[in-house]
Amino acid sequence: MISQPKVLITRDEIEQAVTRLAAEIKRDYQNSHPLLIGTLKGSFIFLADLIRHLDIPLDIDFVQLSSYGSRKETSGKVTLVQGLKTPIKGKHLLVVEDIVDTGLTISTLLDYLRKKNREK
């Protein structure tokens, strides 16, 4: 018999955290029109929940990076699968990532964003 998984964080606790984070973003970026960048595929549900709480002007775009390919373990090399379609120069960027373990993927993403920011 398979045992039921233990709930570590309740749905209400997640909702409270998202609401609190949205309030901080609204406070800090109310006059900035930020660009929220979601990393696919892991962040899209959280990003959707967060955006529902944001009533400030903002833009949304997505990137997709991969270090796994078709394998179950990381290759140690990160590949940009899908880049941004939105210009980022001069914008306030908020990256929404799902899991940060070794930091390799987020490091690669930040390098990509720095290069893209220098584009005309």
Protein backbone atom coordinates (compact mmCIF):
# COMPACT_ATOMS: atom_id res chain seq x y z
CA MET A 1 0.00 0.00 0.00
CA ILE A 2 1.27 3.45 -0.94
CA SER A 3 1.24 5.95 1.90
CA GLN A 4 -0.14 9.43 1.44
CA PRO A 5 2.52 12.11 1.02
CA LYS A 6 3.02 14.40 3.99
CA VAL A 7 1.91 18.00 3.39
CA LEU A 8 4.85 20.27 4.18
CA ILE A 9 3.27 23.58 3.21
CA THR A 10 -0.49 23.98 3.04
CA ARG A 11 -2.39 25.59 0.19
CA ASP A 12 -3.33 28.46 2.52
CA GLU A 13 0.31 29.02 3.51
CA ILE A 14 1.31 29.17 -0.16
CA GLU A 15 -1.50 31.63 -0.90
CA GLN A 16 -0.41 33.83 2.02
CA ALA A 17 3.20 33.80 0.80
CA VAL A 18 2.16 34.69 -2.76
CA THR A 19 -0.05 37.52 -1.46
CA ARG A 20 2.79 38.85 0.70
CA LEU A 21 5.29 38.67 -2.18
CA ALA A 22 2.85 40.42 -4.54
CA ALA A 23 2.38 43.22 -2.00
CA GLU A 24 6.15 43.70 -1.79
CA ILE A 25 6.47 43.78 -5.58
CA LYS A 26 3.61 46.28 -5.89
CA ARG A 27 5.24 48.49 -3.27
CA ASP A 28 8.73 48.31 -4.78
CA TYR A 29 7.80 48.47 -8.48
CA GLN A 30 4.58 50.51 -8.56
CA ASN A 31 6.18 53.16 -10.80
CA SER A 32 8.57 50.92 -12.73
CA HIS A 33 6.56 48.73 -15.13
CA PRO A 34 8.69 45.63 -14.44
CA LEU A 35 9.25 42.70 -16.78
CA LEU A 36 8.59 39.38 -15.07
CA ILE A 37 10.65 36.60 -16.62
CA GLY A 38 9.43 33.09 -15.97
CA THR A 39 11.66 30.09 -16.46
CA LEU A 40 9.83 27.33 -18.29
CA LYS A 41 8.44 25.00 -17.55
CA GLY A 42 8.66 24.97 -13.79
CA SER A 43 7.69 28.50 -12.84
CA PHE A 44 4.59 29.09 -14.94
CA ILE A 45 1.97 28.06 -12.34
CA PHE A 46 3.56 30.09 -9.56
CA LEU A 47 4.03 33.03 -11.94
CA ALA A 48 0.36 32.85 -12.94
CA ASP A 49 -0.68 32.86 -9.28
CA LEU A 50 1.62 35.81 -8.57
CA ILE A 51 0.41 37.85 -11.54
CA ARG A 52 -3.21 37.46 -10.41
CA HIS A 53 -2.26 39.50 -7.33
CA LEU A 54 -0.38 42.23 -9.19
CA ASP A 55 -2.46 45.18 -10.27
CA ILE A 56 0.43 47.26 -11.57
CA PRO A 57 1.56 47.70 -15.18
CA LEU A 58 3.95 44.88 -16.06
CA ASP A 59 5.14 42.74 -18.92
CA ILE A 60 5.71 38.99 -18.96
CA ASP A 61 8.10 36.88 -20.97
CA PHE A 62 9.56 33.41 -20.68
CA VAL A 63 12.88 31.69 -21.17
CA GLN A 64 13.53 27.99 -21.30
CA LEU A 65 16.85 26.50 -20.33
CA SER A 66 17.87 22.89 -20.09
CA SER A 67 20.70 21.02 -18.46
CA TYR A 68 19.03 17.64 -18.66
CA GLY A 69 18.15 17.04 -22.29
CA SER A 70 16.44 13.65 -22.39
CA ARG A 71 18.34 12.40 -19.34
CA LYS A 72 17.22 12.30 -15.70
CA GLU A 73 20.47 13.74 -14.38
CA THR A 74 22.00 17.08 -15.26
CA SER A 75 24.65 17.13 -17.95
CA GLY A 76 26.41 20.04 -16.26
CA LYS A 77 25.97 22.12 -19.43
CA VAL A 78 23.06 24.54 -19.71
CA THR A 79 21.46 25.20 -23.08
CA LEU A 80 19.16 28.10 -23.91
CA VAL A 81 16.14 26.44 -25.55
CA GLN A 82 13.95 29.56 -25.83
CA GLY A 83 15.14 33.12 -25.37
CA LEU A 84 13.22 36.27 -24.56
CA LYS A 85 11.12 38.00 -27.17
CA THR A 86 10.88 41.25 -25.19
CA PRO A 87 13.68 43.84 -25.24
CA ILE A 88 15.04 44.31 -21.72
CA LYS A 89 17.35 47.31 -21.97
CA GLY A 90 16.52 49.80 -19.24
CA LYS A 91 13.79 47.64 -17.69
CA HIS A 92 13.40 46.34 -14.16
CA LEU A 93 13.59 42.55 -14.40
CA LEU A 94 12.11 40.09 -11.93
CA VAL A 95 13.17 36.50 -12.60
CA VAL A 96 10.76 33.83 -11.40
CA GLU A 97 12.56 30.49 -11.14
CA ASP A 98 11.22 27.23 -9.80
CA ILE A 99 14.20 25.34 -8.35
CA VAL A 100 17.72 26.52 -7.67
CA ASP A 101 19.99 23.66 -6.71
CA THR A 102 23.58 24.07 -7.96
CA GLY A 103 22.97 27.57 -9.32
CA LEU A 104 24.29 26.63 -12.76
CA THR A 105 21.02 27.35 -14.60
CA ILE A 106 20.35 30.68 -12.88
CA SER A 107 23.99 31.71 -13.43
CA THR A 108 23.62 30.96 -17.14
CA LEU A 109 20.34 32.88 -17.24
CA LEU A 110 21.89 35.92 -15.56
CA ASP A 111 24.79 35.87 -18.05
CA TYR A 112 22.24 35.71 -20.89
CA LEU A 113 20.31 38.66 -19.44
CA ARG A 114 23.49 40.74 -19.05
CA LYS A 115 24.37 40.14 -22.71
CA LYS A 116 20.81 40.84 -23.86
CA ASN A 117 20.78 44.08 -21.84
CA ARG A 118 23.79 45.32 -23.84
CA GLU A 119 21.94 44.80 -27.15
CA LYS A 120 20.57 47.85 -28.95
